[in-house]
Amino acid sequence: MILTFWDGVYISKWRRIPRRELIELGGNLILTGLKEGVSLDKQIVFYKYFLDTLKDRKIKKKRIYRSDHQYGLSCMMALIKLKVIEEEDDPNNGLYRHPKQIRT
């Protein structure tokens, strides 16, 4: 299970997704922005803004659509790919890979 956090706030959880597919999510988002003429600096600002919006909606217990969760994961992966945030397991910012639960 992969949990996503932004500024210490839990955003969403995902079933295990291969690392390669996660990196592709971020890379595709970055390439789409570059093709549309958006600079990397502006993309970084937007990705952070979108994640801040998700965090605020989560705190205020407002509805967050599935598509917003998916785009939030893509934004997070783009920030990791651009090395704005670290990929390591960090429950404050980024991804946290929950250890597999042992069944008895």
Protein backbone atom coordinates (compact mmCIF):
# COMPACT_ATOMS: atom_id res chain seq x y z
CA MET A 1 0.00 0.00 0.00
CA ILE A 2 1.28 3.47 -0.86
CA LEU A 3 0.11 6.42 1.24
CA THR A 4 0.50 10.00 0.03
CA PHE A 5 1.09 12.92 2.40
CA TRP A 6 1.46 16.65 1.89
CA ASP A 7 2.65 18.96 4.68
CA GLY A 8 2.03 16.20 7.20
CA VAL A 9 -1.58 15.65 6.09
CA TYR A 10 -2.66 12.25 4.80
CA ILE A 11 -4.12 12.68 1.30
CA SER A 12 -4.83 9.23 -0.16
CA LYS A 13 -3.79 5.61 -0.40
CA TRP A 14 -3.06 3.45 -3.41
CA ARG A 15 -2.59 -0.23 -3.91
CA ARG A 16 0.95 -1.17 -4.76
CA ILE A 17 1.87 0.43 -8.06
CA PRO A 18 5.18 -0.53 -9.69
CA ARG A 19 7.87 2.12 -9.23
CA ARG A 20 8.35 2.39 -13.00
CA GLU A 21 4.67 3.29 -13.49
CA LEU A 22 4.83 5.89 -10.72
CA ILE A 23 7.87 7.56 -12.31
CA GLU A 24 6.11 7.52 -15.70
CA LEU A 25 3.14 9.38 -14.18
CA GLY A 26 5.38 12.26 -13.16
CA GLY A 27 7.40 12.22 -16.37
CA ASN A 28 4.29 12.29 -18.56
CA LEU A 29 2.87 15.22 -16.62
CA ILE A 30 6.13 17.18 -16.98
CA LEU A 31 6.37 16.45 -20.71
CA THR A 32 2.77 17.52 -21.29
CA GLY A 33 3.47 20.84 -19.59
CA LEU A 34 6.64 21.41 -21.59
CA LYS A 35 4.84 20.63 -24.87
CA GLU A 36 2.24 23.27 -23.93
CA GLY A 37 5.02 25.81 -23.33
CA VAL A 38 4.91 25.88 -19.52
CA SER A 39 8.32 26.35 -17.92
CA LEU A 40 9.53 23.95 -15.23
CA ASP A 41 9.44 26.71 -12.60
CA LYS A 42 5.76 27.41 -13.31
CA GLN A 43 4.99 23.69 -13.31
CA ILE A 44 6.58 23.27 -9.88
CA VAL A 45 4.54 26.18 -8.49
CA PHE A 46 1.33 24.72 -9.93
CA TYR A 47 2.02 21.19 -8.64
CA LYS A 48 2.60 22.55 -5.12
CA TYR A 49 -0.52 24.72 -5.38
CA PHE A 50 -2.64 21.74 -6.43
CA LEU A 51 -1.32 19.62 -3.55
CA ASP A 52 -1.95 22.51 -1.12
CA THR A 53 -5.54 22.67 -2.42
CA LEU A 54 -5.98 18.93 -1.86
CA LYS A 55 -4.56 19.28 1.66
CA ASP A 56 -6.95 22.15 2.48
CA ARG A 57 -9.94 20.21 1.16
CA LYS A 58 -8.90 17.19 3.25
CA ILE A 59 -8.54 19.31 6.40
CA LYS A 60 -11.94 20.97 5.83
CA LYS A 61 -13.47 17.52 5.11
CA LYS A 62 -14.70 18.61 1.70
CA ARG A 63 -15.25 16.18 -1.13
CA ILE A 64 -12.20 15.22 -3.17
CA TYR A 65 -12.95 13.50 -6.46
CA ARG A 66 -11.09 10.41 -7.64
CA SER A 67 -9.67 12.35 -10.58
CA ASP A 68 -8.24 14.90 -8.13
CA HIS A 69 -6.58 12.12 -6.14
CA GLN A 70 -5.10 10.71 -9.36
CA TYR A 71 -3.85 14.10 -10.51
CA GLY A 72 -2.44 14.75 -7.02
CA LEU A 73 -0.43 11.52 -7.25
CA SER A 74 0.87 12.63 -10.67
CA CYS A 75 1.83 16.04 -9.25
CA MET A 76 3.66 14.38 -6.36
CA MET A 77 5.54 12.09 -8.75
CA ALA A 78 6.44 15.07 -10.95
CA LEU A 79 7.88 16.87 -7.91
CA ILE A 80 9.86 13.74 -7.03
CA LYS A 81 11.13 13.42 -10.61
CA LEU A 82 12.18 17.09 -10.56
CA LYS A 83 13.88 16.43 -7.19
CA VAL A 84 11.82 19.06 -5.37
CA ILE A 85 10.85 16.47 -2.77
CA GLU A 86 12.65 13.25 -1.87
CA GLU A 87 11.38 9.84 -2.90
CA GLU A 88 12.21 8.21 0.41
CA ASP A 89 9.44 7.08 2.73
CA ASP A 90 8.38 10.29 4.45
CA PRO A 91 4.99 10.57 6.13
CA ASN A 92 5.26 14.38 6.11
CA ASN A 93 5.80 15.02 2.39
CA GLY A 94 5.57 12.55 -0.42
CA LEU A 95 5.07 8.82 -0.49
CA TYR A 96 5.09 6.32 2.30
CA ARG A 97 5.24 2.67 1.35
CA HIS A 98 3.32 0.81 4.01
CA PRO A 99 4.95 -2.53 4.87
CA LYS A 100 2.97 -5.58 3.82
CA GLN A 101 0.67 -6.82 6.53
CA ILE A 102 1.47 -10.29 7.75
CA ARG A 103 -1.50 -12.62 7.61
CA THR A 104 -1.80 -15.24 10.29
